[in-house]
N, C-alpha and C. Protein backbone atom coordinates (compact mmCIF):
# COMPACT_ATOMS: atom_id res chain seq x y z
N MET A 1 -95.45 30.35 200.09
CA MET A 1 -94.90 29.01 199.91
C MET A 1 -94.26 28.90 198.52
N PRO A 2 -93.05 28.34 198.46
CA PRO A 2 -92.46 28.12 197.14
C PRO A 2 -93.14 26.96 196.43
N LYS A 3 -92.96 26.95 195.13
CA LYS A 3 -93.54 25.85 194.34
C LYS A 3 -92.81 24.55 194.66
N LEU A 4 -93.54 23.44 194.57
CA LEU A 4 -92.92 22.12 194.76
C LEU A 4 -92.33 21.66 193.43
N LYS A 5 -91.14 21.11 193.50
CA LYS A 5 -90.54 20.54 192.29
C LYS A 5 -90.98 19.09 192.16
N THR A 6 -91.20 18.68 190.93
CA THR A 6 -91.58 17.30 190.65
C THR A 6 -90.35 16.41 190.77
N HIS A 7 -90.48 15.31 191.48
CA HIS A 7 -89.41 14.30 191.56
C HIS A 7 -89.48 13.48 190.28
N LYS A 8 -88.52 13.68 189.39
CA LYS A 8 -88.60 13.15 188.03
C LYS A 8 -88.60 11.62 187.99
N ALA A 9 -87.84 10.98 188.88
CA ALA A 9 -87.82 9.51 188.89
C ALA A 9 -89.19 8.96 189.24
N THR A 10 -89.87 9.61 190.17
CA THR A 10 -91.22 9.18 190.56
C THR A 10 -92.20 9.42 189.41
N ALA A 11 -92.07 10.55 188.75
CA ALA A 11 -92.98 10.87 187.64
C ALA A 11 -92.86 9.86 186.51
N LYS A 12 -91.66 9.29 186.31
CA LYS A 12 -91.47 8.31 185.25
C LYS A 12 -92.02 6.94 185.62
N ARG A 13 -92.08 6.64 186.91
CA ARG A 13 -92.48 5.31 187.36
C ARG A 13 -93.98 5.16 187.57
N PHE A 14 -94.67 6.25 187.83
CA PHE A 14 -96.09 6.19 188.17
C PHE A 14 -96.89 7.03 187.20
N LYS A 15 -98.12 6.58 186.92
CA LYS A 15 -99.03 7.31 186.05
C LYS A 15 -100.30 7.62 186.82
N VAL A 16 -100.91 8.75 186.51
CA VAL A 16 -102.17 9.15 187.14
C VAL A 16 -103.28 8.95 186.13
N THR A 17 -104.34 8.24 186.53
CA THR A 17 -105.47 8.02 185.64
C THR A 17 -106.34 9.26 185.58
N GLY A 18 -107.33 9.23 184.74
CA GLY A 18 -108.24 10.36 184.61
C GLY A 18 -109.02 10.63 185.88
N THR A 19 -109.27 9.58 186.66
CA THR A 19 -110.02 9.75 187.91
C THR A 19 -109.11 10.05 189.10
N GLY A 20 -107.79 10.12 188.85
CA GLY A 20 -106.87 10.49 189.92
C GLY A 20 -106.19 9.33 190.63
N LYS A 21 -106.42 8.11 190.17
CA LYS A 21 -105.77 6.96 190.80
C LYS A 21 -104.32 6.88 190.32
N LEU A 22 -103.46 6.32 191.17
CA LEU A 22 -102.07 6.11 190.81
C LEU A 22 -101.87 4.67 190.36
N ARG A 23 -101.18 4.50 189.25
CA ARG A 23 -100.92 3.17 188.71
C ARG A 23 -99.41 2.98 188.58
N ARG A 24 -98.96 1.71 188.70
CA ARG A 24 -97.55 1.40 188.57
C ARG A 24 -97.38 0.11 187.80
N ARG A 25 -96.17 -0.11 187.28
CA ARG A 25 -95.83 -1.36 186.62
C ARG A 25 -95.42 -2.36 187.69
N LYS A 26 -95.39 -3.63 187.34
CA LYS A 26 -94.99 -4.66 188.29
C LYS A 26 -93.48 -4.81 188.31
N GLN A 27 -92.96 -5.33 189.41
CA GLN A 27 -91.52 -5.56 189.53
C GLN A 27 -91.16 -6.93 188.97
N GLY A 28 -89.86 -7.14 188.72
CA GLY A 28 -89.38 -8.45 188.32
C GLY A 28 -89.38 -8.71 186.83
N ILE A 29 -89.58 -7.68 186.02
CA ILE A 29 -89.71 -7.89 184.57
C ILE A 29 -88.36 -7.83 183.86
N ARG A 30 -87.35 -7.26 184.48
CA ARG A 30 -86.13 -6.89 183.77
C ARG A 30 -85.21 -8.05 183.41
N HIS A 31 -84.99 -9.00 184.32
CA HIS A 31 -84.02 -10.05 184.01
C HIS A 31 -84.48 -11.38 184.59
N LEU A 32 -83.77 -12.44 184.24
CA LEU A 32 -84.11 -13.81 184.64
C LEU A 32 -85.50 -14.19 184.15
N ARG A 33 -85.80 -13.82 182.94
CA ARG A 33 -87.15 -14.05 182.41
C ARG A 33 -87.36 -15.48 181.92
N ARG A 34 -86.27 -16.18 181.57
CA ARG A 34 -86.43 -17.53 181.03
C ARG A 34 -86.97 -18.49 182.08
N LYS A 35 -86.67 -18.22 183.34
CA LYS A 35 -87.17 -19.08 184.42
C LYS A 35 -88.67 -18.92 184.62
N LYS A 36 -89.18 -17.76 184.31
CA LYS A 36 -90.57 -17.45 184.62
C LYS A 36 -91.50 -18.06 183.58
N SER A 37 -92.66 -18.44 184.02
CA SER A 37 -93.62 -19.04 183.10
C SER A 37 -94.16 -17.98 182.13
N LYS A 38 -94.74 -18.45 181.06
CA LYS A 38 -95.29 -17.53 180.07
C LYS A 38 -96.42 -16.70 180.67
N ARG A 39 -97.21 -17.34 181.54
CA ARG A 39 -98.30 -16.62 182.19
C ARG A 39 -97.75 -15.50 183.08
N ALA A 40 -96.68 -15.79 183.80
CA ALA A 40 -96.08 -14.77 184.68
C ALA A 40 -95.53 -13.61 183.86
N ARG A 41 -94.86 -13.92 182.75
CA ARG A 41 -94.32 -12.86 181.91
C ARG A 41 -95.42 -12.01 181.31
N ARG A 42 -96.53 -12.63 180.97
CA ARG A 42 -97.67 -11.89 180.42
C ARG A 42 -98.25 -10.94 181.46
N LYS A 43 -98.27 -11.38 182.71
CA LYS A 43 -98.83 -10.56 183.79
C LYS A 43 -98.03 -9.28 184.03
N PHE A 44 -96.75 -9.29 183.66
CA PHE A 44 -95.91 -8.11 183.88
C PHE A 44 -96.37 -6.92 183.05
N LYS A 45 -97.09 -7.16 181.98
CA LYS A 45 -97.52 -6.07 181.10
C LYS A 45 -98.59 -5.19 181.75
N THR A 46 -99.32 -5.75 182.71
CA THR A 46 -100.45 -5.02 183.29
C THR A 46 -100.00 -3.99 184.31
N TYR A 47 -100.81 -2.99 184.50
CA TYR A 47 -100.58 -1.98 185.53
C TYR A 47 -101.43 -2.34 186.75
N VAL A 48 -100.93 -2.01 187.94
CA VAL A 48 -101.67 -2.27 189.17
C VAL A 48 -101.77 -0.98 189.97
N ASP A 49 -102.75 -0.91 190.87
CA ASP A 49 -102.92 0.26 191.71
C ASP A 49 -101.81 0.33 192.76
N VAL A 50 -101.46 1.55 193.13
CA VAL A 50 -100.48 1.76 194.20
C VAL A 50 -101.16 1.48 195.53
N ALA A 51 -100.42 0.90 196.47
CA ALA A 51 -100.96 0.58 197.78
C ALA A 51 -101.41 1.86 198.50
N PRO A 52 -102.50 1.78 199.27
CA PRO A 52 -103.03 2.97 199.94
C PRO A 52 -102.03 3.66 200.86
N CYS A 53 -101.14 2.90 201.49
CA CYS A 53 -100.18 3.49 202.42
C CYS A 53 -99.11 4.33 201.70
N ASP A 54 -98.94 4.13 200.39
CA ASP A 54 -97.91 4.86 199.64
C ASP A 54 -98.46 6.03 198.83
N ARG A 55 -99.77 6.11 198.67
CA ARG A 55 -100.36 7.11 197.77
C ARG A 55 -100.01 8.55 198.15
N LYS A 56 -100.13 8.87 199.42
CA LYS A 56 -99.90 10.25 199.86
C LYS A 56 -98.47 10.69 199.56
N ARG A 57 -97.51 9.83 199.85
CA ARG A 57 -96.10 10.14 199.64
C ARG A 57 -95.79 10.31 198.14
N ILE A 58 -96.33 9.43 197.32
CA ILE A 58 -96.05 9.50 195.87
C ILE A 58 -96.70 10.72 195.25
N LYS A 59 -97.91 11.04 195.69
CA LYS A 59 -98.57 12.24 195.16
C LYS A 59 -97.78 13.50 195.50
N ARG A 60 -97.23 13.54 196.70
CA ARG A 60 -96.45 14.70 197.11
C ARG A 60 -95.17 14.80 196.25
N LEU A 61 -94.54 13.67 195.98
CA LEU A 61 -93.33 13.67 195.15
C LEU A 61 -93.63 14.10 193.71
N MET A 62 -94.82 13.76 193.23
CA MET A 62 -95.19 14.11 191.87
C MET A 62 -95.71 15.54 191.75
N GLY A 63 -95.90 16.19 192.88
CA GLY A 63 -96.37 17.57 192.84
C GLY A 63 -97.86 17.68 192.66
N LEU A 64 -98.61 16.66 193.07
CA LEU A 64 -100.07 16.68 192.93
C LEU A 64 -100.73 17.15 194.21
């Protein structure tokens, strides 16, 4: 079997924790921020877990 290449765009968007969980940033942070409440803008800083249905596909793209 040949080696799998890492999908670089995926590697930049997702991080793997020490225990192997996948984390991602939230969407909607880039523009139209003045409309959003301060609480909503603050929430964009946090990382959230990747949905279970997407984990297998993302891990394969990252070469894990």
